[in-house]
Amino acid sequence: MDILELLNTNITVVYKDLVEVFISRDFIKKSNSAARIIEGPDNLLIVDFDKTDQCKLQARYDSRRLYVDKHNSKTEDEANFDDVSHLSCILEEAVSEDGKEIIAYGYNFNGIAAFPEKNALNLFINHLIKSPNNITEKLKAKEIIRFIPELQFEYEEFKLNVKLTPMEEDKSRFIFNINIHIQSDDFPNEDKVRQQINELYKMGLEKMTNLFS
């Protein structure tokens, strides 16, 4: 299996409530002068950053969550999480300690992978289904429109979800989504975030690869 492209990376922090908690716009601007802050409806706050050849970075706060998104460019050959890790820590720190209550955080990765010269859908069915012929017949008869497997691995400290979506235009390719959910009342410091996001991304890829080995 080949990892062709990492499209999007996301770090999310989940709070009990952000409606009544102060978010310091001044702190965000002082930490990153390129930040553009847009006030939206229903407690939505968008923080936009300069787009580069490598990526586009954007964040948003809603009534319960902070989302920090990195949209990767095809010019970036390797997964690099330093910028999204740094920004997530700045933007989380901008949330006032007075009234703030974190309940969870997580990492999300979307990308494209391929099984060269093989049919991804057939591999999913044959490796993940006990009676593959039954699924294949239902797909041919249009009783099932699409087969998109989603698996969850639960560990003591986190849950890891893997979703695999076959691509219609190239049968060897599929879109993968790796989601890691961590129940915690604290968001780690930047060094820990960088370490954790790299380790968990690699673990997610290993879990995905081992399904078909």
N, C-alpha and C. Protein backbone atom coordinates (compact mmCIF):
# COMPACT_ATOMS: atom_id res chain seq x y z
N MET A 1 0.84 -1.20 0.00
CA MET A 1 0.00 0.00 0.00
C MET A 1 0.88 1.25 0.00
N ASP A 2 0.55 2.21 -0.87
CA ASP A 2 1.31 3.45 -0.97
C ASP A 2 0.47 4.62 -0.46
N ILE A 3 1.06 5.46 0.38
CA ILE A 3 0.43 6.71 0.80
C ILE A 3 0.79 7.76 -0.24
N LEU A 4 -0.18 8.24 -1.01
CA LEU A 4 0.09 9.15 -2.10
C LEU A 4 0.08 10.61 -1.67
N GLU A 5 -0.83 10.94 -0.76
CA GLU A 5 -0.99 12.36 -0.42
C GLU A 5 -1.74 12.50 0.90
N LEU A 6 -1.25 13.38 1.76
CA LEU A 6 -1.98 13.77 2.97
C LEU A 6 -2.68 15.08 2.65
N LEU A 7 -4.00 15.06 2.58
CA LEU A 7 -4.76 16.22 2.13
C LEU A 7 -4.99 17.24 3.25
N ASN A 8 -5.48 16.76 4.38
CA ASN A 8 -5.86 17.65 5.48
C ASN A 8 -5.44 17.07 6.82
N THR A 9 -5.03 17.95 7.70
CA THR A 9 -4.74 17.61 9.10
C THR A 9 -5.56 18.53 9.99
N ASN A 10 -6.11 17.97 11.04
CA ASN A 10 -6.94 18.77 11.95
C ASN A 10 -6.62 18.42 13.39
N ILE A 11 -6.53 19.45 14.23
CA ILE A 11 -6.46 19.28 15.68
C ILE A 11 -7.70 19.93 16.27
N THR A 12 -8.42 19.20 17.09
CA THR A 12 -9.65 19.71 17.69
C THR A 12 -9.56 19.63 19.21
N VAL A 13 -9.96 20.71 19.88
CA VAL A 13 -10.08 20.73 21.34
C VAL A 13 -11.55 20.90 21.67
N VAL A 14 -12.07 20.03 22.54
CA VAL A 14 -13.49 20.06 22.91
C VAL A 14 -13.63 20.60 24.32
N TYR A 15 -14.50 21.59 24.47
CA TYR A 15 -14.77 22.22 25.77
C TYR A 15 -16.20 21.90 26.21
N LYS A 16 -16.44 22.04 27.50
CA LYS A 16 -17.81 21.88 27.99
C LYS A 16 -18.70 22.98 27.43
N ASP A 17 -18.15 24.20 27.35
CA ASP A 17 -18.91 25.34 26.83
C ASP A 17 -17.94 26.48 26.56
N LEU A 18 -18.07 27.14 25.40
CA LEU A 18 -17.22 28.29 25.09
C LEU A 18 -18.02 29.59 24.99
N VAL A 19 -19.33 29.49 25.11
CA VAL A 19 -20.18 30.67 24.91
C VAL A 19 -19.84 31.78 25.90
N GLU A 20 -19.64 31.41 27.15
CA GLU A 20 -19.40 32.41 28.19
C GLU A 20 -17.91 32.57 28.54
N VAL A 21 -17.03 31.96 27.74
CA VAL A 21 -15.59 32.02 28.02
C VAL A 21 -14.93 33.02 27.08
N PHE A 22 -14.07 33.87 27.63
CA PHE A 22 -13.42 34.92 26.83
C PHE A 22 -12.28 34.34 25.98
N ILE A 23 -12.24 34.74 24.70
CA ILE A 23 -11.17 34.36 23.79
C ILE A 23 -10.41 35.64 23.43
N SER A 24 -9.13 35.71 23.76
CA SER A 24 -8.34 36.93 23.60
C SER A 24 -7.90 37.12 22.14
N ARG A 25 -8.53 38.07 21.46
CA ARG A 25 -8.13 38.41 20.10
C ARG A 25 -6.73 39.03 20.10
N ASP A 26 -6.42 39.84 21.11
CA ASP A 26 -5.11 40.48 21.20
C ASP A 26 -3.99 39.45 21.32
N PHE A 27 -4.22 38.42 22.12
CA PHE A 27 -3.21 37.37 22.30
C PHE A 27 -2.94 36.67 20.97
N ILE A 28 -4.01 36.40 20.21
CA ILE A 28 -3.85 35.73 18.92
C ILE A 28 -3.03 36.59 17.97
N LYS A 29 -3.35 37.89 17.90
CA LYS A 29 -2.64 38.78 16.98
C LYS A 29 -1.18 38.97 17.38
N LYS A 30 -0.90 39.05 18.69
CA LYS A 30 0.47 39.20 19.16
C LYS A 30 1.29 37.95 18.89
N SER A 31 0.65 36.80 18.98
CA SER A 31 1.35 35.52 18.76
C SER A 31 1.60 35.26 17.29
N ASN A 32 0.71 35.76 16.42
CA ASN A 32 0.87 35.56 14.99
C ASN A 32 0.28 36.76 14.27
N SER A 33 1.14 37.65 13.81
CA SER A 33 0.69 38.91 13.21
C SER A 33 -0.06 38.70 11.90
N ALA A 34 0.09 37.51 11.29
CA ALA A 34 -0.60 37.23 10.03
C ALA A 34 -2.05 36.81 10.24
N ALA A 35 -2.45 36.62 11.48
CA ALA A 35 -3.81 36.15 11.77
C ALA A 35 -4.85 37.20 11.41
N ARG A 36 -5.88 36.77 10.71
CA ARG A 36 -7.03 37.62 10.41
C ARG A 36 -8.24 37.03 11.13
N ILE A 37 -8.85 37.83 12.00
CA ILE A 37 -9.93 37.35 12.85
C ILE A 37 -11.27 37.81 12.29
N ILE A 38 -12.15 36.85 12.05
CA ILE A 38 -13.46 37.13 11.46
C ILE A 38 -14.54 36.70 12.44
N GLU A 39 -15.39 37.65 12.81
CA GLU A 39 -16.49 37.36 13.72
C GLU A 39 -17.66 36.81 12.90
N GLY A 40 -18.14 35.63 13.27
CA GLY A 40 -19.26 35.03 12.56
C GLY A 40 -20.50 34.94 13.43
N PRO A 41 -21.59 34.41 12.90
CA PRO A 41 -22.83 34.29 13.67
C PRO A 41 -22.76 33.13 14.67
N ASP A 42 -23.65 33.16 15.65
CA ASP A 42 -23.81 32.06 16.61
C ASP A 42 -22.49 31.66 17.27
N ASN A 43 -21.79 32.67 17.81
CA ASN A 43 -20.55 32.46 18.56
C ASN A 43 -19.40 31.89 17.72
N LEU A 44 -19.53 31.95 16.40
CA LEU A 44 -18.47 31.45 15.52
C LEU A 44 -17.37 32.51 15.39
N LEU A 45 -16.13 32.08 15.57
CA LEU A 45 -14.97 32.96 15.41
C LEU A 45 -13.97 32.26 14.50
N ILE A 46 -13.64 32.88 13.37
CA ILE A 46 -12.73 32.28 12.40
C ILE A 46 -11.39 33.01 12.46
N VAL A 47 -10.31 32.24 12.46
CA VAL A 47 -8.97 32.82 12.43
C VAL A 47 -8.28 32.31 11.17
N ASP A 48 -7.99 33.22 10.27
CA ASP A 48 -7.40 32.86 8.98
C ASP A 48 -5.94 33.28 8.95
N PHE A 49 -5.11 32.47 8.28
CA PHE A 49 -3.68 32.74 8.20
C PHE A 49 -3.25 32.78 6.74
N ASP A 50 -2.09 33.37 6.48
CA ASP A 50 -1.61 33.49 5.11
C ASP A 50 -1.42 32.12 4.48
N LYS A 51 -1.83 32.01 3.25
CA LYS A 51 -1.64 30.77 2.49
C LYS A 51 -0.24 30.75 1.88
N THR A 52 0.42 29.61 1.93
CA THR A 52 1.75 29.47 1.33
C THR A 52 1.69 28.42 0.23
N ASP A 53 2.84 28.20 -0.44
CA ASP A 53 2.90 27.16 -1.47
C ASP A 53 2.69 25.77 -0.87
N GLN A 54 3.02 25.64 0.42
CA GLN A 54 2.93 24.33 1.06
C GLN A 54 1.55 24.02 1.64
N CYS A 55 0.87 25.04 2.17
CA CYS A 55 -0.37 24.73 2.87
C CYS A 55 -1.21 25.97 3.11
N LYS A 56 -2.44 25.73 3.54
CA LYS A 56 -3.32 26.79 4.02
C LYS A 56 -3.72 26.42 5.45
N LEU A 57 -3.60 27.38 6.36
CA LEU A 57 -3.95 27.16 7.76
C LEU A 57 -5.15 28.02 8.13
N GLN A 58 -6.10 27.40 8.81
CA GLN A 58 -7.28 28.12 9.25
C GLN A 58 -7.80 27.50 10.54
N ALA A 59 -8.39 28.32 11.38
CA ALA A 59 -8.94 27.82 12.65
C ALA A 59 -10.30 28.45 12.88
N ARG A 60 -11.08 27.81 13.73
CA ARG A 60 -12.37 28.38 14.11
C ARG A 60 -12.76 27.91 15.50
N TYR A 61 -13.42 28.79 16.22
CA TYR A 61 -14.03 28.46 17.49
C TYR A 61 -15.54 28.45 17.29
N ASP A 62 -16.22 27.47 17.86
CA ASP A 62 -17.68 27.54 17.91
C ASP A 62 -18.09 27.46 19.38
N SER A 63 -19.32 27.09 19.66
CA SER A 63 -19.80 27.13 21.04
C SER A 63 -19.16 26.09 21.95
N ARG A 64 -18.50 25.07 21.36
CA ARG A 64 -17.90 24.02 22.19
C ARG A 64 -16.52 23.57 21.75
N ARG A 65 -16.07 23.98 20.57
CA ARG A 65 -14.84 23.41 20.04
C ARG A 65 -13.92 24.47 19.42
N LEU A 66 -12.64 24.14 19.46
CA LEU A 66 -11.62 24.84 18.68
C LEU A 66 -11.13 23.86 17.62
N TYR A 67 -11.22 24.26 16.35
CA TYR A 67 -10.73 23.45 15.24
C TYR A 67 -9.54 24.17 14.60
N VAL A 68 -8.44 23.47 14.41
CA VAL A 68 -7.29 24.03 13.71
C VAL A 68 -7.00 23.12 12.51
N ASP A 69 -7.12 23.68 11.31
CA ASP A 69 -7.04 22.89 10.08
C ASP A 69 -5.83 23.27 9.24
N LYS A 70 -5.19 22.26 8.70
CA LYS A 70 -4.11 22.46 7.74
C LYS A 70 -4.48 21.73 6.46
N HIS A 71 -4.61 22.50 5.36
CA HIS A 71 -4.89 21.92 4.05
C HIS A 71 -3.57 21.85 3.29
N ASN A 72 -3.10 20.65 3.07
CA ASN A 72 -1.77 20.47 2.49
C ASN A 72 -1.76 20.70 0.98
N SER A 73 -0.61 21.12 0.49
CA SER A 73 -0.39 21.26 -0.94
C SER A 73 0.34 20.03 -1.46
N LYS A 74 0.17 19.74 -2.73
CA LYS A 74 0.87 18.60 -3.32
C LYS A 74 2.38 18.80 -3.35
N THR A 75 2.82 20.06 -3.12
CA THR A 75 4.27 20.32 -3.15
C THR A 75 4.94 19.87 -1.86
N GLU A 76 4.15 19.52 -0.84
CA GLU A 76 4.75 19.08 0.43
C GLU A 76 4.85 17.56 0.42
N ASP A 77 6.05 17.04 0.30
CA ASP A 77 6.26 15.61 0.10
C ASP A 77 6.03 14.80 1.36
N GLU A 78 6.38 15.34 2.52
CA GLU A 78 6.26 14.59 3.77
C GLU A 78 5.30 15.28 4.72
N ALA A 79 4.68 14.48 5.57
CA ALA A 79 3.79 15.04 6.57
C ALA A 79 4.59 15.86 7.57
N ASN A 80 4.21 17.11 7.73
CA ASN A 80 4.89 18.00 8.67
C ASN A 80 3.81 18.67 9.52
N PHE A 81 3.85 18.40 10.82
CA PHE A 81 2.79 18.87 11.71
C PHE A 81 3.25 20.00 12.64
N ASP A 82 4.44 20.56 12.39
CA ASP A 82 4.96 21.59 13.29
C ASP A 82 4.07 22.83 13.33
N ASP A 83 3.63 23.29 12.15
CA ASP A 83 2.85 24.53 12.09
C ASP A 83 1.47 24.37 12.72
N VAL A 84 0.79 23.28 12.42
CA VAL A 84 -0.54 23.09 12.98
C VAL A 84 -0.47 22.81 14.49
N SER A 85 0.60 22.17 14.94
CA SER A 85 0.80 21.95 16.37
C SER A 85 1.02 23.26 17.10
N HIS A 86 1.87 24.11 16.52
CA HIS A 86 2.18 25.41 17.12
C HIS A 86 0.93 26.29 17.23
N LEU A 87 0.18 26.35 16.14
CA LEU A 87 -1.02 27.21 16.13
C LEU A 87 -2.09 26.69 17.09
N SER A 88 -2.24 25.39 17.17
CA SER A 88 -3.27 24.84 18.08
C SER A 88 -2.97 25.22 19.52
N CYS A 89 -1.69 25.25 19.89
CA CYS A 89 -1.32 25.62 21.26
C CYS A 89 -1.53 27.11 21.52
N ILE A 90 -1.21 27.94 20.53
CA ILE A 90 -1.46 29.38 20.67
C ILE A 90 -2.95 29.66 20.82
N LEU A 91 -3.75 29.06 19.95
CA LEU A 91 -5.18 29.34 19.95
C LEU A 91 -5.89 28.76 21.17
N GLU A 92 -5.38 27.66 21.69
CA GLU A 92 -5.96 27.12 22.91
C GLU A 92 -5.59 28.00 24.10
N GLU A 93 -4.36 28.52 24.09
CA GLU A 93 -3.92 29.40 25.17
C GLU A 93 -4.68 30.72 25.18
N ALA A 94 -5.21 31.11 24.01
CA ALA A 94 -5.98 32.35 23.91
C ALA A 94 -7.33 32.26 24.62
N VAL A 95 -7.75 31.05 24.95
CA VAL A 95 -9.01 30.86 25.67
C VAL A 95 -8.74 31.09 27.16
N SER A 96 -9.48 32.00 27.76
CA SER A 96 -9.26 32.36 29.16
C SER A 96 -9.42 31.17 30.10
N GLU A 97 -8.54 31.11 31.10
CA GLU A 97 -8.63 30.04 32.11
C GLU A 97 -9.89 30.19 32.96
N ASP A 98 -10.42 31.39 33.03
CA ASP A 98 -11.61 31.66 33.84
C ASP A 98 -12.84 31.07 33.17
N GLY A 99 -13.31 29.97 33.70
CA GLY A 99 -14.50 29.31 33.15
C GLY A 99 -14.22 28.25 32.12
N LYS A 100 -12.93 28.12 31.70
CA LYS A 100 -12.60 27.13 30.67
C LYS A 100 -12.60 25.72 31.25
N GLU A 101 -13.24 24.78 30.54
CA GLU A 101 -13.25 23.39 30.97
C GLU A 101 -13.09 22.49 29.75
N ILE A 102 -11.89 21.94 29.60
CA ILE A 102 -11.61 21.01 28.49
C ILE A 102 -12.12 19.62 28.85
N ILE A 103 -12.75 18.96 27.88
CA ILE A 103 -13.21 17.59 28.14
C ILE A 103 -12.56 16.55 27.21
N ALA A 104 -11.99 17.01 26.08
CA ALA A 104 -11.35 16.07 25.15
C ALA A 104 -10.58 16.85 24.09
N TYR A 105 -9.73 16.14 23.37
CA TYR A 105 -9.10 16.71 22.18
C TYR A 105 -8.76 15.56 21.24
N GLY A 106 -8.39 15.89 20.00
CA GLY A 106 -8.10 14.82 19.06
C GLY A 106 -7.40 15.30 17.81
N TYR A 107 -7.01 14.32 17.00
CA TYR A 107 -6.30 14.56 15.74
C TYR A 107 -7.04 13.85 14.61
N ASN A 108 -7.10 14.51 13.45
CA ASN A 108 -7.75 13.93 12.28
C ASN A 108 -6.86 14.08 11.06
N PHE A 109 -6.80 13.04 10.25
CA PHE A 109 -5.98 13.05 9.05
C PHE A 109 -6.79 12.50 7.87
N ASN A 110 -6.78 13.22 6.75
CA ASN A 110 -7.42 12.75 5.53
C ASN A 110 -6.39 12.71 4.41
N GLY A 111 -6.39 11.62 3.67
CA GLY A 111 -5.42 11.51 2.59
C GLY A 111 -5.85 10.50 1.54
N ILE A 112 -4.97 10.30 0.58
CA ILE A 112 -5.21 9.35 -0.51
C ILE A 112 -4.11 8.30 -0.49
N ALA A 113 -4.53 7.04 -0.59
CA ALA A 113 -3.58 5.93 -0.66
C ALA A 113 -3.99 5.01 -1.81
N ALA A 114 -3.13 4.06 -2.14
CA ALA A 114 -3.41 3.18 -3.28
C ALA A 114 -2.77 1.82 -3.09
N PHE A 115 -3.40 0.83 -3.70
CA PHE A 115 -2.81 -0.50 -3.87
C PHE A 115 -2.46 -0.62 -5.34
N PRO A 116 -1.20 -0.42 -5.71
CA PRO A 116 -0.82 -0.41 -7.13
C PRO A 116 -1.26 -1.67 -7.87
N GLU A 117 -1.93 -1.45 -9.00
CA GLU A 117 -2.39 -2.52 -9.90
C GLU A 117 -3.37 -3.48 -9.23
N LYS A 118 -4.04 -3.01 -8.16
CA LYS A 118 -5.05 -3.83 -7.51
C LYS A 118 -6.33 -3.02 -7.33
N ASN A 119 -7.41 -3.71 -7.05
CA ASN A 119 -8.70 -3.06 -6.84
C ASN A 119 -8.91 -2.88 -5.34
N ALA A 120 -8.94 -1.63 -4.88
CA ALA A 120 -9.04 -1.34 -3.45
C ALA A 120 -10.33 -1.90 -2.86
N LEU A 121 -11.45 -1.73 -3.56
CA LEU A 121 -12.74 -2.21 -3.04
C LEU A 121 -12.71 -3.71 -2.84
N ASN A 122 -12.18 -4.45 -3.81
CA ASN A 122 -12.11 -5.91 -3.68
C ASN A 122 -11.24 -6.32 -2.50
N LEU A 123 -10.13 -5.61 -2.29
CA LEU A 123 -9.27 -5.91 -1.14
C LEU A 123 -10.00 -5.66 0.17
N PHE A 124 -10.75 -4.56 0.26
CA PHE A 124 -11.50 -4.27 1.47
C PHE A 124 -12.49 -5.39 1.77
N ILE A 125 -13.21 -5.83 0.74
CA ILE A 125 -14.23 -6.87 0.93
C ILE A 125 -13.58 -8.19 1.33
N ASN A 126 -12.54 -8.58 0.63
CA ASN A 126 -11.93 -9.89 0.87
C ASN A 126 -11.19 -9.98 2.20
N HIS A 127 -10.64 -8.87 2.66
CA HIS A 127 -9.86 -8.90 3.91
C HIS A 127 -10.71 -8.61 5.15
N LEU A 128 -11.81 -7.89 4.97
CA LEU A 128 -12.55 -7.40 6.14
C LEU A 128 -13.91 -8.06 6.35
N ILE A 129 -14.38 -8.83 5.36
CA ILE A 129 -15.70 -9.45 5.44
C ILE A 129 -15.57 -10.97 5.49
N LYS A 130 -16.29 -11.58 6.42
CA LYS A 130 -16.22 -13.03 6.58
C LYS A 130 -16.78 -13.76 5.37
N SER A 131 -17.86 -13.25 4.81
CA SER A 131 -18.47 -13.86 3.61
C SER A 131 -18.46 -12.83 2.48
N PRO A 132 -17.32 -12.65 1.82
CA PRO A 132 -17.19 -11.58 0.82
C PRO A 132 -18.12 -11.72 -0.38
N ASN A 133 -18.44 -12.96 -0.77
CA ASN A 133 -19.29 -13.14 -1.95
C ASN A 133 -20.66 -12.49 -1.78
N ASN A 134 -21.18 -12.53 -0.56
CA ASN A 134 -22.49 -11.96 -0.27
C ASN A 134 -22.49 -10.45 -0.53
N ILE A 135 -21.44 -9.74 -0.07
CA ILE A 135 -21.33 -8.30 -0.29
C ILE A 135 -21.14 -8.00 -1.78
N THR A 136 -20.29 -8.76 -2.44
CA THR A 136 -20.01 -8.55 -3.86
C THR A 136 -21.28 -8.69 -4.69
N GLU A 137 -22.08 -9.71 -4.39
CA GLU A 137 -23.33 -9.92 -5.13
C GLU A 137 -24.32 -8.78 -4.91
N LYS A 138 -24.39 -8.29 -3.67
CA LYS A 138 -25.31 -7.19 -3.37
C LYS A 138 -24.86 -5.89 -4.03
N LEU A 139 -23.56 -5.68 -4.15
CA LEU A 139 -23.06 -4.51 -4.85
C LEU A 139 -23.38 -4.58 -6.34
N LYS A 140 -23.21 -5.77 -6.93
CA LYS A 140 -23.52 -5.95 -8.35
C LYS A 140 -25.00 -5.76 -8.63
N ALA A 141 -25.83 -6.21 -7.68
CA ALA A 141 -27.28 -6.09 -7.85
C ALA A 141 -27.82 -4.72 -7.44
N LYS A 142 -26.92 -3.83 -7.02
CA LYS A 142 -27.28 -2.48 -6.58
C LYS A 142 -28.11 -2.47 -5.29
N GLU A 143 -28.12 -3.60 -4.58
CA GLU A 143 -28.79 -3.62 -3.27
C GLU A 143 -27.98 -2.80 -2.26
N ILE A 144 -26.67 -2.80 -2.44
CA ILE A 144 -25.77 -1.93 -1.69
C ILE A 144 -25.12 -0.98 -2.70
N ILE A 145 -25.19 0.32 -2.42
CA ILE A 145 -24.64 1.29 -3.37
C ILE A 145 -23.13 1.40 -3.23
N ARG A 146 -22.62 1.50 -1.98
CA ARG A 146 -21.19 1.62 -1.75
C ARG A 146 -20.81 0.85 -0.50
N PHE A 147 -19.58 0.36 -0.49
CA PHE A 147 -19.03 -0.33 0.69
C PHE A 147 -17.88 0.52 1.21
N ILE A 148 -18.07 1.13 2.40
CA ILE A 148 -17.08 2.01 3.00
C ILE A 148 -16.79 1.52 4.41
N PRO A 149 -15.76 0.71 4.59
CA PRO A 149 -15.49 0.16 5.93
C PRO A 149 -14.97 1.22 6.90
N GLU A 150 -15.37 1.09 8.15
CA GLU A 150 -14.91 1.96 9.22
C GLU A 150 -14.63 1.10 10.45
N LEU A 151 -13.42 1.21 10.99
CA LEU A 151 -13.00 0.37 12.10
C LEU A 151 -12.56 1.23 13.28
N GLN A 152 -12.79 0.71 14.49
CA GLN A 152 -12.38 1.43 15.70
C GLN A 152 -11.49 0.55 16.55
N PHE A 153 -10.37 1.13 17.00
CA PHE A 153 -9.45 0.46 17.91
C PHE A 153 -9.46 1.25 19.22
N GLU A 154 -9.79 0.59 20.31
CA GLU A 154 -9.87 1.28 21.60
C GLU A 154 -8.68 0.90 22.47
N TYR A 155 -8.01 1.93 22.97
CA TYR A 155 -6.88 1.76 23.88
C TYR A 155 -7.23 2.43 25.20
N GLU A 156 -6.39 2.23 26.19
CA GLU A 156 -6.67 2.80 27.50
C GLU A 156 -6.70 4.33 27.45
N GLU A 157 -5.82 4.94 26.64
CA GLU A 157 -5.70 6.40 26.64
C GLU A 157 -6.43 7.09 25.49
N PHE A 158 -6.82 6.36 24.45
CA PHE A 158 -7.46 7.00 23.31
C PHE A 158 -8.21 5.98 22.45
N LYS A 159 -9.05 6.51 21.56
CA LYS A 159 -9.73 5.70 20.54
C LYS A 159 -9.19 6.09 19.18
N LEU A 160 -8.96 5.10 18.33
CA LEU A 160 -8.45 5.34 16.99
C LEU A 160 -9.44 4.77 15.97
N ASN A 161 -9.95 5.63 15.11
CA ASN A 161 -10.90 5.22 14.07
C ASN A 161 -10.25 5.34 12.70
N VAL A 162 -10.51 4.34 11.85
CA VAL A 162 -10.01 4.35 10.48
C VAL A 162 -11.19 4.14 9.53
N LYS A 163 -11.35 5.06 8.58
CA LYS A 163 -12.41 4.96 7.58
C LYS A 163 -11.77 4.91 6.20
N LEU A 164 -12.24 3.99 5.35
CA LEU A 164 -11.64 3.75 4.03
C LEU A 164 -12.71 3.89 2.95
N THR A 165 -12.55 4.85 2.06
CA THR A 165 -13.55 5.12 1.02
C THR A 165 -12.95 4.88 -0.36
N PRO A 166 -13.36 3.82 -1.07
CA PRO A 166 -12.83 3.56 -2.42
C PRO A 166 -13.15 4.71 -3.37
N MET A 167 -12.23 5.01 -4.28
CA MET A 167 -12.43 6.07 -5.26
C MET A 167 -12.96 5.47 -6.56
N GLU A 168 -13.94 6.14 -7.15
CA GLU A 168 -14.58 5.63 -8.36
C GLU A 168 -13.68 5.80 -9.58
N GLU A 169 -12.97 6.94 -9.65
CA GLU A 169 -12.23 7.27 -10.87
C GLU A 169 -10.96 6.44 -11.05
N ASP A 170 -10.41 5.91 -9.97
CA ASP A 170 -9.21 5.06 -10.03
C ASP A 170 -9.41 3.94 -9.02
N LYS A 171 -9.67 2.76 -9.50
CA LYS A 171 -10.07 1.64 -8.64
C LYS A 171 -8.98 1.22 -7.66
N SER A 172 -7.73 1.60 -7.93
CA SER A 172 -6.64 1.21 -7.02
C SER A 172 -6.54 2.14 -5.82
N ARG A 173 -7.19 3.31 -5.91
CA ARG A 173 -7.03 4.34 -4.89
C ARG A 173 -8.21 4.38 -3.92
N PHE A 174 -7.93 4.92 -2.74
CA PHE A 174 -8.99 5.15 -1.76
C PHE A 174 -8.62 6.35 -0.88
N ILE A 175 -9.66 6.96 -0.31
CA ILE A 175 -9.48 8.06 0.63
C ILE A 175 -9.48 7.48 2.04
N PHE A 176 -8.50 7.84 2.83
CA PHE A 176 -8.47 7.36 4.21
C PHE A 176 -8.72 8.51 5.18
N ASN A 177 -9.40 8.20 6.25
CA ASN A 177 -9.60 9.14 7.35
C ASN A 177 -9.17 8.45 8.63
N ILE A 178 -8.22 9.04 9.33
CA ILE A 178 -7.76 8.53 10.62
C ILE A 178 -8.16 9.54 11.69
N ASN A 179 -8.89 9.09 12.67
CA ASN A 179 -9.36 9.97 13.74
C ASN A 179 -8.91 9.40 15.09
N ILE A 180 -8.29 10.25 15.90
CA ILE A 180 -7.87 9.86 17.26
C ILE A 180 -8.59 10.75 18.26
N HIS A 181 -9.31 10.14 19.18
CA HIS A 181 -10.07 10.87 20.20
C HIS A 181 -9.45 10.57 21.57
N ILE A 182 -9.09 11.64 22.30
CA ILE A 182 -8.45 11.50 23.61
C ILE A 182 -9.30 12.20 24.66
N GLN A 183 -9.81 11.44 25.59
CA GLN A 183 -10.60 12.01 26.68
C GLN A 183 -9.64 12.59 27.71
N SER A 184 -9.71 13.91 27.94
CA SER A 184 -8.76 14.55 28.83
C SER A 184 -9.30 15.91 29.27
N ASP A 185 -8.94 16.33 30.48
CA ASP A 185 -9.33 17.66 30.96
C ASP A 185 -8.20 18.67 30.78
N ASP A 186 -7.21 18.32 29.94
CA ASP A 186 -6.07 19.20 29.72
C ASP A 186 -5.56 19.03 28.30
N PHE A 187 -5.10 20.13 27.69
CA PHE A 187 -4.49 20.07 26.37
C PHE A 187 -2.98 20.17 26.55
N PRO A 188 -2.20 19.28 25.94
CA PRO A 188 -0.76 19.25 26.22
C PRO A 188 -0.01 20.45 25.67
N ASN A 189 1.25 20.61 26.12
CA ASN A 189 2.08 21.69 25.61
C ASN A 189 2.56 21.37 24.19
N GLU A 190 3.21 22.34 23.56
CA GLU A 190 3.55 22.21 22.15
C GLU A 190 4.48 21.03 21.86
N ASP A 191 5.47 20.82 22.69
CA ASP A 191 6.39 19.68 22.47
C ASP A 191 5.63 18.36 22.51
N LYS A 192 4.72 18.24 23.47
CA LYS A 192 3.93 17.01 23.59
C LYS A 192 2.99 16.84 22.41
N VAL A 193 2.37 17.93 21.97
CA VAL A 193 1.47 17.86 20.81
C VAL A 193 2.23 17.39 19.58
N ARG A 194 3.41 17.97 19.34
CA ARG A 194 4.21 17.57 18.18
C ARG A 194 4.59 16.10 18.24
N GLN A 195 5.01 15.64 19.40
CA GLN A 195 5.37 14.24 19.57
C GLN A 195 4.17 13.34 19.36
N GLN A 196 3.07 13.71 19.99
CA GLN A 196 1.87 12.88 19.98
C GLN A 196 1.27 12.77 18.57
N ILE A 197 1.17 13.90 17.87
CA ILE A 197 0.53 13.88 16.56
C ILE A 197 1.34 13.05 15.57
N ASN A 198 2.68 13.13 15.65
CA ASN A 198 3.52 12.32 14.76
C ASN A 198 3.40 10.83 15.09
N GLU A 199 3.44 10.50 16.37
CA GLU A 199 3.36 9.09 16.77
C GLU A 199 2.01 8.49 16.42
N LEU A 200 0.93 9.23 16.65
CA LEU A 200 -0.41 8.69 16.41
C LEU A 200 -0.72 8.61 14.92
N TYR A 201 -0.19 9.52 14.13
CA TYR A 201 -0.36 9.41 12.67
C TYR A 201 0.32 8.15 12.16
N LYS A 202 1.54 7.91 12.60
CA LYS A 202 2.25 6.69 12.19
C LYS A 202 1.52 5.43 12.65
N MET A 203 0.98 5.47 13.87
CA MET A 203 0.22 4.32 14.36
C MET A 203 -1.01 4.07 13.51
N GLY A 204 -1.71 5.16 13.15
CA GLY A 204 -2.89 5.01 12.30
C GLY A 204 -2.55 4.39 10.96
N LEU A 205 -1.46 4.83 10.35
CA LEU A 205 -1.03 4.26 9.07
C LEU A 205 -0.67 2.78 9.23
N GLU A 206 0.01 2.44 10.32
CA GLU A 206 0.38 1.04 10.56
C GLU A 206 -0.86 0.17 10.73
N LYS A 207 -1.84 0.64 11.49
CA LYS A 207 -3.07 -0.12 11.68
C LYS A 207 -3.77 -0.34 10.34
N MET A 208 -3.81 0.71 9.53
CA MET A 208 -4.45 0.62 8.22
C MET A 208 -3.72 -0.36 7.31
N THR A 209 -2.39 -0.28 7.32
CA THR A 209 -1.58 -1.16 6.47
C THR A 209 -1.70 -2.62 6.91
N ASN A 210 -1.69 -2.84 8.22
CA ASN A 210 -1.73 -4.21 8.73
C ASN A 210 -3.05 -4.94 8.46
N LEU A 211 -4.10 -4.17 8.16
CA LEU A 211 -5.38 -4.80 7.81
C LEU A 211 -5.27 -5.63 6.54
N PHE A 212 -4.29 -5.29 5.69
CA PHE A 212 -4.21 -5.93 4.38
C PHE A 212 -2.89 -6.66 4.15
N SER A 213 -2.16 -6.89 5.23
CA SER A 213 -0.86 -7.58 5.10
C SER A 213 -1.04 -9.08 5.29
